[in-house]
């Protein structure tokens, strides 16, 4: 009889997204708020640091908004959207000293990204 030299079937490796999904599902309510606050602060700090290069990180604010809607509720997601909009406009004012021409549209886009 010949020996079976095939590799044994291993457990299918989990993708990063399934791992992230599992981690986010296991967070408590306080943990979700910690992740939201930390992510908003990191995005705002990154936006502030690279603002002189005219690269905006505004679309990244959608990630905490989605997390808030997914794990909490629509009202929390809307509140996070308003905080993200205020941070984005505040960074523009802090760096340039004035609001650029498209700031009102940017604020509206952030504030109403959930509707």
PDB file of N, CA and C in Angstrom:
ATOM      1  N   UNK A   1       0.836  -1.157   0.000  1.00  0.00           N
ATOM      2  CA  UNK A   1       0.000   0.000   0.000  1.00  0.00           C
ATOM      3  C   UNK A   1       0.892   1.234   0.000  1.00  0.00           C
ATOM      4  N   UNK A   2       0.495   2.277  -0.768  1.00  0.00           N
ATOM      5  CA  UNK A   2       1.312   3.485  -0.850  1.00  0.00           C
ATOM      6  C   UNK A   2       0.935   4.453   0.256  1.00  0.00           C
ATOM      7  N   UNK A   3       1.898   5.211   0.607  1.00  0.00           N
ATOM      8  CA  UNK A   3       1.706   6.182   1.680  1.00  0.00           C
ATOM      9  C   UNK A   3       1.040   7.435   1.117  1.00  0.00           C
ATOM     10  N   UNK A   4       0.094   7.984   1.845  1.00  0.00           N
ATOM     11  CA  UNK A   4      -0.603   9.198   1.418  1.00  0.00           C
ATOM     12  C   UNK A   4       0.274  10.396   1.773  1.00  0.00           C
ATOM     13  N   UNK A   5       0.790  11.084   0.762  1.00  0.00           N
ATOM     14  CA  UNK A   5       1.708  12.202   1.000  1.00  0.00           C
ATOM     15  C   UNK A   5       1.049  13.558   0.803  1.00  0.00           C
ATOM     16  N   UNK A   6      -0.236  13.565   0.680  1.00  0.00           N
ATOM     17  CA  UNK A   6      -0.919  14.859   0.549  1.00  0.00           C
ATOM     18  C   UNK A   6      -0.850  15.612   1.862  1.00  0.00           C
ATOM     19  N   UNK A   7      -0.830  16.917   1.733  1.00  0.00           N
ATOM     20  CA  UNK A   7      -0.832  17.728   2.951  1.00  0.00           C
ATOM     21  C   UNK A   7      -2.189  17.633   3.615  1.00  0.00           C
ATOM     22  N   UNK A   8      -2.204  17.549   4.927  1.00  0.00           N
ATOM     23  CA  UNK A   8      -3.509  17.497   5.606  1.00  0.00           C
ATOM     24  C   UNK A   8      -4.241  18.819   5.429  1.00  0.00           C
ATOM     25  N   UNK A   9      -5.537  18.727   5.375  1.00  0.00           N
ATOM     26  CA  UNK A   9      -6.334  19.948   5.243  1.00  0.00           C
ATOM     27  C   UNK A   9      -6.251  20.742   6.535  1.00  0.00           C
ATOM     28  N   UNK A  10      -5.808  21.928   6.371  1.00  0.00           N
ATOM     29  CA  UNK A  10      -5.699  22.819   7.532  1.00  0.00           C
ATOM     30  C   UNK A  10      -6.981  23.642   7.631  1.00  0.00           C
ATOM     31  N   UNK A  11      -7.152  24.224   8.750  1.00  0.00           N
ATOM     32  CA  UNK A  11      -8.281  25.117   8.935  1.00  0.00           C
ATOM     33  C   UNK A  11      -8.059  26.318   8.028  1.00  0.00           C
ATOM     34  N   UNK A  12      -9.109  26.718   7.339  1.00  0.00           N
ATOM     35  CA  UNK A  12      -9.000  27.846   6.416  1.00  0.00           C
ATOM     36  C   UNK A  12      -8.588  29.091   7.192  1.00  0.00           C
ATOM     37  N   UNK A  13      -7.553  29.794   6.716  1.00  0.00           N
ATOM     38  CA  UNK A  13      -7.130  30.991   7.439  1.00  0.00           C
ATOM     39  C   UNK A  13      -8.219  32.058   7.389  1.00  0.00           C
ATOM     40  N   UNK A  14      -8.388  32.724   8.496  1.00  0.00           N
ATOM     41  CA  UNK A  14      -9.403  33.763   8.572  1.00  0.00           C
ATOM     42  C   UNK A  14      -8.870  35.040   7.960  1.00  0.00           C
ATOM     43  N   UNK A  15      -9.715  35.735   7.264  1.00  0.00           N
ATOM     44  CA  UNK A  15      -9.299  36.994   6.667  1.00  0.00           C
ATOM     45  C   UNK A  15      -9.274  38.075   7.743  1.00  0.00           C
ATOM     46  N   UNK A  16      -8.643  39.173   7.403  1.00  0.00           N
ATOM     47  CA  UNK A  16      -8.535  40.291   8.338  1.00  0.00           C
ATOM     48  C   UNK A  16      -9.908  40.848   8.674  1.00  0.00           C
ATOM     49  N   UNK A  17     -10.789  40.924   7.684  1.00  0.00           N
ATOM     50  CA  UNK A  17     -12.110  41.494   7.934  1.00  0.00           C
ATOM     51  C   UNK A  17     -12.950  40.633   8.852  1.00  0.00           C
ATOM     52  N   UNK A  18     -12.846  39.324   8.725  1.00  0.00           N
ATOM     53  CA  UNK A  18     -13.611  38.474   9.635  1.00  0.00           C
ATOM     54  C   UNK A  18     -13.047  38.559  11.053  1.00  0.00           C
ATOM     55  N   UNK A  19     -11.738  38.697  11.160  1.00  0.00           N
ATOM     56  CA  UNK A  19     -11.136  38.884  12.479  1.00  0.00           C
ATOM     57  C   UNK A  19     -11.586  40.204  13.085  1.00  0.00           C
ATOM     58  N   UNK A  20     -11.582  41.274  12.274  1.00  0.00           N
ATOM     59  CA  UNK A  20     -12.007  42.588  12.754  1.00  0.00           C
ATOM     60  C   UNK A  20     -13.476  42.565  13.151  1.00  0.00           C
ATOM     61  N   UNK A  21     -14.300  41.897  12.372  1.00  0.00           N
ATOM     62  CA  UNK A  21     -15.721  41.765  12.690  1.00  0.00           C
ATOM     63  C   UNK A  21     -15.912  41.082  14.040  1.00  0.00           C
ATOM     64  N   UNK A  22     -15.168  40.031  14.282  1.00  0.00           N
ATOM     65  CA  UNK A  22     -15.260  39.316  15.555  1.00  0.00           C
ATOM     66  C   UNK A  22     -14.823  40.202  16.715  1.00  0.00           C
ATOM     67  N   UNK A  23     -13.736  40.946  16.513  1.00  0.00           N
ATOM     68  CA  UNK A  23     -13.239  41.819  17.579  1.00  0.00           C
ATOM     69  C   UNK A  23     -14.226  42.933  17.903  1.00  0.00           C
ATOM     70  N   UNK A  24     -14.809  43.543  16.869  1.00  0.00           N
ATOM     71  CA  UNK A  24     -15.749  44.636  17.099  1.00  0.00           C
ATOM     72  C   UNK A  24     -17.054  44.136  17.707  1.00  0.00           C
ATOM     73  N   UNK A  25     -17.467  42.931  17.354  1.00  0.00           N
ATOM     74  CA  UNK A  25     -18.682  42.367  17.955  1.00  0.00           C
ATOM     75  C   UNK A  25     -18.494  42.046  19.428  1.00  0.00           C
ATOM     76  N   UNK A  26     -17.278  41.781  19.834  1.00  0.00           N
ATOM     77  CA  UNK A  26     -17.038  41.404  21.220  1.00  0.00           C
ATOM     78  C   UNK A  26     -16.853  42.608  22.148  1.00  0.00           C
ATOM     79  N   UNK A  27     -16.842  43.813  21.599  1.00  0.00           N
ATOM     80  CA  UNK A  27     -16.653  45.005  22.428  1.00  0.00           C
ATOM     81  C   UNK A  27     -17.902  45.314  23.248  1.00  0.00           C
ATOM     82  N   UNK A  28     -17.675  45.803  24.441  1.00  0.00           N
ATOM     83  CA  UNK A  28     -18.786  46.270  25.265  1.00  0.00           C
ATOM     84  C   UNK A  28     -19.190  47.660  24.778  1.00  0.00           C
ATOM     85  N   UNK A  29     -20.247  48.204  25.347  1.00  0.00           N
ATOM     86  CA  UNK A  29     -20.707  49.534  24.984  1.00  0.00           C
ATOM     87  C   UNK A  29     -19.626  50.575  25.262  1.00  0.00           C
ATOM     88  N   UNK A  30     -18.990  50.464  26.420  1.00  0.00           N
ATOM     89  CA  UNK A  30     -17.906  51.401  26.753  1.00  0.00           C
ATOM     90  C   UNK A  30     -16.722  51.216  25.803  1.00  0.00           C
ATOM     91  N   UNK A  31     -16.460  49.988  25.406  1.00  0.00           N
ATOM     92  CA  UNK A  31     -15.373  49.727  24.464  1.00  0.00           C
ATOM     93  C   UNK A  31     -15.634  50.331  23.101  1.00  0.00           C
ATOM     94  N   UNK A  32     -16.884  50.278  22.664  1.00  0.00           N
ATOM     95  CA  UNK A  32     -17.243  50.889  21.380  1.00  0.00           C
ATOM     96  C   UNK A  32     -17.008  52.394  21.436  1.00  0.00           C
ATOM     97  N   UNK A  33     -17.420  53.017  22.530  1.00  0.00           N
ATOM     98  CA  UNK A  33     -17.206  54.465  22.659  1.00  0.00           C
ATOM     99  C   UNK A  33     -15.716  54.800  22.713  1.00  0.00           C
ATOM    100  N   UNK A  34     -14.921  53.959  23.367  1.00  0.00           N
ATOM    101  CA  UNK A  34     -13.465  54.186  23.385  1.00  0.00           C
ATOM    102  C   UNK A  34     -12.883  54.114  21.985  1.00  0.00           C
ATOM    103  N   UNK A  35     -13.299  53.121  21.221  1.00  0.00           N
ATOM    104  CA  UNK A  35     -12.807  52.982  19.848  1.00  0.00           C
ATOM    105  C   UNK A  35     -13.251  54.175  19.003  1.00  0.00           C
ATOM    106  N   UNK A  36     -14.483  54.624  19.178  1.00  0.00           N
ATOM    107  CA  UNK A  36     -14.974  55.779  18.423  1.00  0.00           C
ATOM    108  C   UNK A  36     -14.173  57.032  18.729  1.00  0.00           C
ATOM    109  N   UNK A  37     -13.963  57.293  20.014  1.00  0.00           N
ATOM    110  CA  UNK A  37     -13.218  58.493  20.407  1.00  0.00           C
ATOM    111  C   UNK A  37     -11.776  58.417  19.922  1.00  0.00           C
ATOM    112  N   UNK A  38     -11.157  57.272  20.098  1.00  0.00           N
ATOM    113  CA  UNK A  38      -9.770  57.103  19.652  1.00  0.00           C
ATOM    114  C   UNK A  38      -9.645  57.254  18.138  1.00  0.00           C
ATOM    115  N   UNK A  39     -10.578  56.673  17.401  1.00  0.00           N
ATOM    116  CA  UNK A  39     -10.496  56.775  15.944  1.00  0.00           C
ATOM    117  C   UNK A  39     -10.730  58.207  15.468  1.00  0.00           C
ATOM    118  N   UNK A  40     -11.679  58.918  16.084  1.00  0.00           N
ATOM    119  CA  UNK A  40     -11.898  60.315  15.717  1.00  0.00           C
ATOM    120  C   UNK A  40     -10.666  61.163  16.017  1.00  0.00           C
ATOM    121  N   UNK A  41     -10.049  60.933  17.163  1.00  0.00           N
ATOM    122  CA  UNK A  41      -8.843  61.692  17.511  1.00  0.00           C
ATOM    123  C   UNK A  41      -7.683  61.379  16.571  1.00  0.00           C
ATOM    124  N   UNK A  42      -7.524  60.118  16.205  1.00  0.00           N
ATOM    125  CA  UNK A  42      -6.435  59.744  15.285  1.00  0.00           C
ATOM    126  C   UNK A  42      -6.643  60.336  13.901  1.00  0.00           C
ATOM    127  N   UNK A  43      -7.877  60.300  13.409  1.00  0.00           N
ATOM    128  CA  UNK A  43      -8.160  60.881  12.098  1.00  0.00           C
ATOM    129  C   UNK A  43      -7.960  62.390  12.133  1.00  0.00           C
ATOM    130  N   UNK A  44      -8.421  63.040  13.202  1.00  0.00           N
ATOM    131  CA  UNK A  44      -8.255  64.488  13.328  1.00  0.00           C
ATOM    132  C   UNK A  44      -6.776  64.869  13.417  1.00  0.00           C
ATOM    133  N   UNK A  45      -5.995  64.107  14.185  1.00  0.00           N
ATOM    134  CA  UNK A  45      -4.559  64.396  14.298  1.00  0.00           C
ATOM    135  C   UNK A  45      -3.863  64.200  12.953  1.00  0.00           C
ATOM    136  N   UNK A  46      -4.209  63.126  12.248  1.00  0.00           N
ATOM    137  CA  UNK A  46      -3.629  62.907  10.923  1.00  0.00           C
ATOM    138  C   UNK A  46      -4.027  63.994   9.950  1.00  0.00           C
ATOM    139  N   UNK A  47      -5.283  64.423  10.008  1.00  0.00           N
ATOM    140  CA  UNK A  47      -5.754  65.505   9.138  1.00  0.00           C
ATOM    141  C   UNK A  47      -5.006  66.799   9.438  1.00  0.00           C
ATOM    142  N   UNK A  48      -4.782  67.081  10.710  1.00  0.00           N
ATOM    143  CA  UNK A  48      -4.052  68.288  11.098  1.00  0.00           C
ATOM    144  C   UNK A  48      -2.601  68.232  10.615  1.00  0.00           C
ATOM    145  N   UNK A  49      -1.978  67.060  10.741  1.00  0.00           N
ATOM    146  CA  UNK A  49      -0.565  66.945  10.373  1.00  0.00           C
ATOM    147  C   UNK A  49      -0.337  67.028   8.868  1.00  0.00           C
ATOM    148  N   UNK A  50      -1.254  66.511   8.071  1.00  0.00           N
ATOM    149  CA  UNK A  50      -1.034  66.543   6.628  1.00  0.00           C
ATOM    150  C   UNK A  50      -1.840  67.629   5.921  1.00  0.00           C
ATOM    151  N   UNK A  51      -2.483  68.506   6.675  1.00  0.00           N
ATOM    152  CA  UNK A  51      -3.275  69.583   6.078  1.00  0.00           C
ATOM    153  C   UNK A  51      -2.445  70.488   5.168  1.00  0.00           C
ATOM    154  N   UNK A  52      -1.209  70.837   5.513  1.00  0.00           N
ATOM    155  CA  UNK A  52      -0.421  71.710   4.614  1.00  0.00           C
ATOM    156  C   UNK A  52      -0.161  71.098   3.235  1.00  0.00           C
ATOM    157  N   UNK A  53      -0.278  69.804   3.080  1.00  0.00           N
ATOM    158  CA  UNK A  53      -0.043  69.170   1.779  1.00  0.00           C
ATOM    159  C   UNK A  53      -1.295  69.158   0.912  1.00  0.00           C
ATOM    160  N   UNK A  54      -2.385  69.759   1.394  1.00  0.00           N
ATOM    161  CA  UNK A  54      -3.675  69.808   0.697  1.00  0.00           C
ATOM    162  C   UNK A  54      -4.272  68.426   0.463  1.00  0.00           C
ATOM    163  N   UNK A  55      -3.947  67.507   1.309  1.00  0.00           N
ATOM    164  CA  UNK A  55      -4.588  66.194   1.302  1.00  0.00           C
ATOM    165  C   UNK A  55      -5.550  66.177   2.483  1.00  0.00           C
ATOM    166  N   UNK A  56      -6.783  65.820   2.216  1.00  0.00           N
ATOM    167  CA  UNK A  56      -7.786  65.810   3.266  1.00  0.00           C
ATOM    168  C   UNK A  56      -8.153  64.370   3.630  1.00  0.00           C
ATOM    169  N   UNK A  57      -8.344  64.140   4.902  1.00  0.00           N
ATOM    170  CA  UNK A  57      -8.734  62.820   5.395  1.00  0.00           C
ATOM    171  C   UNK A  57     -10.216  62.757   5.729  1.00  0.00           C
ATOM    172  N   UNK A  58     -10.987  63.669   5.185  1.00  0.00           N
ATOM    173  CA  UNK A  58     -12.414  63.734   5.468  1.00  0.00           C
ATOM    174  C   UNK A  58     -13.163  62.433   5.260  1.00  0.00           C
ATOM    175  N   UNK A  59     -12.916  61.706   4.163  1.00  0.00           N
ATOM    176  CA  UNK A  59     -13.657  60.448   3.972  1.00  0.00           C
ATOM    177  C   UNK A  59     -13.398  59.405   5.056  1.00  0.00           C
ATOM    178  N   UNK A  60     -12.270  59.498   5.755  1.00  0.00           N
ATOM    179  CA  UNK A  60     -11.989  58.527   6.817  1.00  0.00           C
ATOM    180  C   UNK A  60     -12.917  58.689   8.014  1.00  0.00           C
ATOM    181  N   UNK A  61     -13.550  59.861   8.138  1.00  0.00           N
ATOM    182  CA  UNK A  61     -14.500  60.060   9.230  1.00  0.00           C
ATOM    183  C   UNK A  61     -15.713  59.147   9.068  1.00  0.00           C
ATOM    184  N   UNK A  62     -15.923  58.607   7.876  1.00  0.00           N
ATOM    185  CA  UNK A  62     -17.058  57.703   7.664  1.00  0.00           C
ATOM    186  C   UNK A  62     -16.894  56.382   8.422  1.00  0.00           C
ATOM    187  N   UNK A  63     -15.668  55.968   8.677  1.00  0.00           N
ATOM    188  CA  UNK A  63     -15.449  54.708   9.396  1.00  0.00           C
ATOM    189  C   UNK A  63     -16.015  54.742  10.816  1.00  0.00           C
ATOM    190  N   UNK A  64     -15.702  55.764  11.639  1.00  0.00           N
ATOM    191  CA  UNK A  64     -16.333  55.790  12.965  1.00  0.00           C
ATOM    192  C   UNK A  64     -17.846  56.001  12.899  1.00  0.00           C
ATOM    193  N   UNK A  65     -18.319  56.728  11.869  1.00  0.00           N
ATOM    194  CA  UNK A  65     -19.759  56.918  11.729  1.00  0.00           C
ATOM    195  C   UNK A  65     -20.438  55.575  11.490  1.00  0.00           C
ATOM    196  N   UNK A  66     -19.861  54.785  10.605  1.00  0.00           N
ATOM    197  CA  UNK A  66     -20.425  53.458  10.313  1.00  0.00           C
ATOM    198  C   UNK A  66     -20.373  52.559  11.549  1.00  0.00           C
ATOM    199  N   UNK A  67     -19.267  52.615  12.288  1.00  0.00           N
ATOM    200  CA  UNK A  67     -19.161  51.805  13.497  1.00  0.00           C
ATOM    201  C   UNK A  67     -20.222  52.203  14.512  1.00  0.00           C
ATOM    202  N   UNK A  68     -20.440  53.513  14.667  1.00  0.00           N
ATOM    203  CA  UNK A  68     -21.440  53.976  15.628  1.00  0.00           C
ATOM    204  C   UNK A  68     -22.838  53.523  15.225  1.00  0.00           C
ATOM    205  N   UNK A  69     -23.157  53.610  13.935  1.00  0.00           N
ATOM    206  CA  UNK A  69     -24.478  53.158  13.480  1.00  0.00           C
ATOM    207  C   UNK A  69     -24.627  51.652  13.617  1.00  0.00           C
ATOM    208  N   UNK A  70     -23.563  50.932  13.325  1.00  0.00           N
ATOM    209  CA  UNK A  70     -23.617  49.464  13.343  1.00  0.00           C
ATOM    210  C   UNK A  70     -23.765  48.924  14.757  1.00  0.00           C
ATOM    211  N   UNK A  71     -22.952  49.443  15.672  1.00  0.00           N
ATOM    212  CA  UNK A  71     -22.932  48.882  17.017  1.00  0.00           C
ATOM    213  C   UNK A  71     -23.860  49.595  17.991  1.00  0.00           C
ATOM    214  N   UNK A  72     -24.154  50.866  17.760  1.00  0.00           N
ATOM    215  CA  UNK A  72     -24.981  51.609  18.712  1.00  0.00           C
ATOM    216  C   UNK A  72     -26.367  51.838  18.108  1.00  0.00           C
ATOM    217  N   UNK A  73     -26.571  52.994  17.499  1.00  0.00           N
ATOM    218  CA  UNK A  73     -27.832  53.276  16.825  1.00  0.00           C
ATOM    219  C   UNK A  73     -27.653  54.476  15.898  1.00  0.00           C
ATOM    220  N   UNK A  74     -28.730  54.835  15.203  1.00  0.00           N
ATOM    221  CA  UNK A  74     -28.663  55.929  14.239  1.00  0.00           C
ATOM    222  C   UNK A  74     -28.336  57.254  14.915  1.00  0.00           C
ATOM    223  N   UNK A  75     -28.925  57.498  16.076  1.00  0.00           N
ATOM    224  CA  UNK A  75     -28.685  58.770  16.768  1.00  0.00           C
ATOM    225  C   UNK A  75     -27.225  58.913  17.164  1.00  0.00           C
ATOM    226  N   UNK A  76     -26.604  57.844  17.620  1.00  0.00           N
ATOM    227  CA  UNK A  76     -25.182  57.899  17.964  1.00  0.00           C
ATOM    228  C   UNK A  76     -24.346  58.129  16.710  1.00  0.00           C
ATOM    229  N   UNK A  77     -24.734  57.489  15.611  1.00  0.00           N
ATOM    230  CA  UNK A  77     -24.030  57.696  14.351  1.00  0.00           C
ATOM    231  C   UNK A  77     -24.149  59.131  13.875  1.00  0.00           C
ATOM    232  N   UNK A  78     -25.324  59.706  14.023  1.00  0.00           N
ATOM    233  CA  UNK A  78     -25.513  61.105  13.635  1.00  0.00           C
ATOM    234  C   UNK A  78     -24.693  62.027  14.520  1.00  0.00           C
ATOM    235  N   UNK A  79     -24.627  61.735  15.807  1.00  0.00           N
ATOM    236  CA  UNK A  79     -23.811  62.540  16.722  1.00  0.00           C
ATOM    237  C   UNK A  79     -22.329  62.448  16.346  1.00  0.00           C
ATOM    238  N   UNK A  80     -21.867  61.253  16.006  1.00  0.00           N
ATOM    239  CA  UNK A  80     -20.471  61.082  15.589  1.00  0.00           C
ATOM    240  C   UNK A  80     -20.222  61.833  14.280  1.00  0.00           C
ATOM    241  N   UNK A  81     -21.212  61.844  13.374  1.00  0.00           N
ATOM    242  CA  UNK A  81     -21.083  62.597  12.116  1.00  0.00           C
ATOM    243  C   UNK A  81     -20.941  64.087  12.392  1.00  0.00           C
ATOM    244  N   UNK A  82     -21.727  64.615  13.315  1.00  0.00           N
ATOM    245  CA  UNK A  82     -21.623  66.034  13.661  1.00  0.00           C
ATOM    246  C   UNK A  82     -20.283  66.349  14.314  1.00  0.00           C
ATOM    247  N   UNK A  83     -19.813  65.471  15.179  1.00  0.00           N
ATOM    248  CA  UNK A  83     -18.500  65.673  15.810  1.00  0.00           C
ATOM    249  C   UNK A  83     -17.403  65.624  14.757  1.00  0.00           C
ATOM    250  N   UNK A  84     -17.483  64.690  13.826  1.00  0.00           N
ATOM    251  CA  UNK A  84     -16.498  64.610  12.746  1.00  0.00           C
ATOM    252  C   UNK A  84     -16.506  65.853  11.877  1.00  0.00           C
ATOM    253  N   UNK A  85     -17.702  66.369  11.585  1.00  0.00           N
ATOM    254  CA  UNK A  85     -17.806  67.599  10.794  1.00  0.00           C
ATOM    255  C   UNK A  85     -17.191  68.779  11.542  1.00  0.00           C
ATOM    256  N   UNK A  86     -17.476  68.873  12.838  1.00  0.00           N
ATOM    257  CA  UNK A  86     -16.906  69.965  13.634  1.00  0.00           C
ATOM    258  C   UNK A  86     -15.387  69.853  13.710  1.00  0.00           C
ATOM    259  N   UNK A  87     -14.881  68.644  13.857  1.00  0.00           N
ATOM    260  CA  UNK A  87     -13.426  68.459  13.884  1.00  0.00           C
ATOM    261  C   UNK A  87     -12.793  68.849  12.552  1.00  0.00           C
ATOM    262  N   UNK A  88     -13.420  68.444  11.460  1.00  0.00           N
ATOM    263  CA  UNK A  88     -12.886  68.748  10.139  1.00  0.00           C
ATOM    264  C   UNK A  88     -12.844  70.253   9.878  1.00  0.00           C
ATOM    265  N   UNK A  89     -13.937  70.934  10.189  1.00  0.00           N
ATOM    266  CA  UNK A  89     -13.979  72.388   9.994  1.00  0.00           C
ATOM    267  C   UNK A  89     -13.051  73.086  10.984  1.00  0.00           C
ATOM    268  N   UNK A  90     -13.005  72.594  12.220  1.00  0.00           N
ATOM    269  CA  UNK A  90     -12.105  73.193  13.213  1.00  0.00           C
ATOM    270  C   UNK A  90     -10.647  73.089  12.813  1.00  0.00           C
ATOM    271  N   UNK A  91     -10.274  71.985  12.198  1.00  0.00           N
ATOM    272  CA  UNK A  91      -8.894  71.823  11.745  1.00  0.00           C
ATOM    273  C   UNK A  91      -8.591  72.793  10.610  1.00  0.00           C
ATOM    274  N   UNK A  92      -9.551  72.973   9.692  1.00  0.00           N
ATOM    275  CA  UNK A  92      -9.355  73.948   8.609  1.00  0.00           C
ATOM    276  C   UNK A  92      -9.138  75.351   9.165  1.00  0.00           C
ATOM    277  N   UNK A  93      -9.930  75.711  10.150  1.00  0.00           N
ATOM    278  CA  UNK A  93      -9.800  77.044  10.748  1.00  0.00           C
ATOM    279  C   UNK A  93      -8.491  77.159  11.519  1.00  0.00           C
ATOM    280  N   UNK A  94      -8.116  76.122  12.261  1.00  0.00           N
ATOM    281  CA  UNK A  94      -6.889  76.170  13.066  1.00  0.00           C
ATOM    282  C   UNK A  94      -5.647  76.289  12.199  1.00  0.00           C
ATOM    283  N   UNK A  95      -5.636  75.617  11.070  1.00  0.00           N
ATOM    284  CA  UNK A  95      -4.438  75.621  10.230  1.00  0.00           C
ATOM    285  C   UNK A  95      -4.369  76.855   9.344  1.00  0.00           C
ATOM    286  N   UNK A  96      -5.474  77.180   8.668  1.00  0.00           N
ATOM    287  CA  UNK A  96      -5.423  78.274   7.702  1.00  0.00           C
ATOM    288  C   UNK A  96      -5.902  79.607   8.262  1.00  0.00           C
ATOM    289  N   UNK A  97      -6.590  79.606   9.378  1.00  0.00           N
ATOM    290  CA  UNK A  97      -7.066  80.847   9.972  1.00  0.00           C
ATOM    291  C   UNK A  97      -8.402  81.315   9.419  1.00  0.00           C
ATOM    292  N   UNK A  98      -8.907  80.680   8.392  1.00  0.00           N
ATOM    293  CA  UNK A  98     -10.203  81.033   7.816  1.00  0.00           C
ATOM    294  C   UNK A  98     -10.821  79.784   7.180  1.00  0.00           C
ATOM    295  N   UNK A  99     -12.087  79.906   6.884  1.00  0.00           N
ATOM    296  CA  UNK A  99     -12.766  78.785   6.224  1.00  0.00           C
ATOM    297  C   UNK A  99     -12.549  78.883   4.714  1.00  0.00           C
ATOM    298  N   UNK A 100     -12.151  77.800   4.082  1.00  0.00           N
ATOM    299  CA  UNK A 100     -12.043  77.832   2.625  1.00  0.00           C
ATOM    300  C   UNK A 100     -13.421  77.927   1.978  1.00  0.00           C
ATOM    301  N   UNK A 101     -13.455  78.167   0.684  1.00  0.00           N
ATOM    302  CA  UNK A 101     -14.728  78.373  -0.022  1.00  0.00           C
ATOM    303  C   UNK A 101     -15.651  77.159   0.072  1.00  0.00           C
ATOM    304  N   UNK A 102     -15.110  75.967   0.017  1.00  0.00           N
ATOM    305  CA  UNK A 102     -15.933  74.762   0.028  1.00  0.00           C
ATOM    306  C   UNK A 102     -16.234  74.214   1.403  1.00  0.00           C
ATOM    307  N   UNK A 103     -15.946  74.971   2.454  1.00  0.00           N
ATOM    308  CA  UNK A 103     -16.110  74.452   3.811  1.00  0.00           C
ATOM    309  C   UNK A 103     -17.571  74.194   4.163  1.00  0.00           C
ATOM    310  N   UNK A 104     -18.473  75.034   3.691  1.00  0.00           N
ATOM    311  CA  UNK A 104     -19.885  74.836   4.005  1.00  0.00           C
ATOM    312  C   UNK A 104     -20.388  73.535   3.376  1.00  0.00           C
ATOM    313  N   UNK A 105     -19.968  73.266   2.159  1.00  0.00           N
ATOM    314  CA  UNK A 105     -20.348  72.013   1.508  1.00  0.00           C
ATOM    315  C   UNK A 105     -19.753  70.813   2.214  1.00  0.00           C
ATOM    316  N   UNK A 106     -18.500  70.962   2.666  1.00  0.00           N
ATOM    317  CA  UNK A 106     -17.830  69.882   3.394  1.00  0.00           C
ATOM    318  C   UNK A 106     -18.556  69.603   4.710  1.00  0.00           C
ATOM    319  N   UNK A 107     -18.943  70.655   5.397  1.00  0.00           N
ATOM    320  CA  UNK A 107     -19.669  70.494   6.656  1.00  0.00           C
ATOM    321  C   UNK A 107     -21.017  69.805   6.420  1.00  0.00           C
ATOM    322  N   UNK A 108     -21.711  70.226   5.377  1.00  0.00           N
ATOM    323  CA  UNK A 108     -23.005  69.606   5.071  1.00  0.00           C
ATOM    324  C   UNK A 108     -22.831  68.134   4.692  1.00  0.00           C
ATOM    325  N   UNK A 109     -21.776  67.826   3.947  1.00  0.00           N
ATOM    326  CA  UNK A 109     -21.530  66.445   3.553  1.00  0.00           C
ATOM    327  C   UNK A 109     -21.297  65.562   4.768  1.00  0.00           C
ATOM    328  N   UNK A 110     -20.495  66.043   5.716  1.00  0.00           N
ATOM    329  CA  UNK A 110     -20.244  65.262   6.927  1.00  0.00           C
ATOM    330  C   UNK A 110     -21.503  65.132   7.769  1.00  0.00           C
ATOM    331  N   UNK A 111     -22.209  66.226   7.940  1.00  0.00           N
ATOM    332  CA  UNK A 111     -23.365  66.222   8.834  1.00  0.00           C
ATOM    333  C   UNK A 111     -24.504  65.361   8.303  1.00  0.00           C
ATOM    334  N   UNK A 112     -24.670  65.314   6.990  1.00  0.00           N
ATOM    335  CA  UNK A 112     -25.793  64.595   6.419  1.00  0.00           C
ATOM    336  C   UNK A 112     -25.366  63.332   5.679  1.00  0.00           C
ATOM    337  N   UNK A 113     -24.229  62.774   6.063  1.00  0.00           N
ATOM    338  CA  UNK A 113     -23.746  61.570   5.412  1.00  0.00           C
ATOM    339  C   UNK A 113     -24.611  60.354   5.741  1.00  0.00           C
ATOM    340  N   UNK A 114     -25.421  60.448   6.746  1.00  0.00           N
ATOM    341  CA  UNK A 114     -26.256  59.312   7.153  1.00  0.00           C
ATOM    342  C   UNK A 114     -27.645  59.333   6.540  1.00  0.00           C
ATOM    343  N   UNK A 115     -28.052  60.474   6.008  1.00  0.00           N
ATOM    344  CA  UNK A 115     -29.427  60.549   5.480  1.00  0.00           C
ATOM    345  C   UNK A 115     -29.505  60.156   4.042  1.00  0.00           C
TER     346      UNK A 115
END
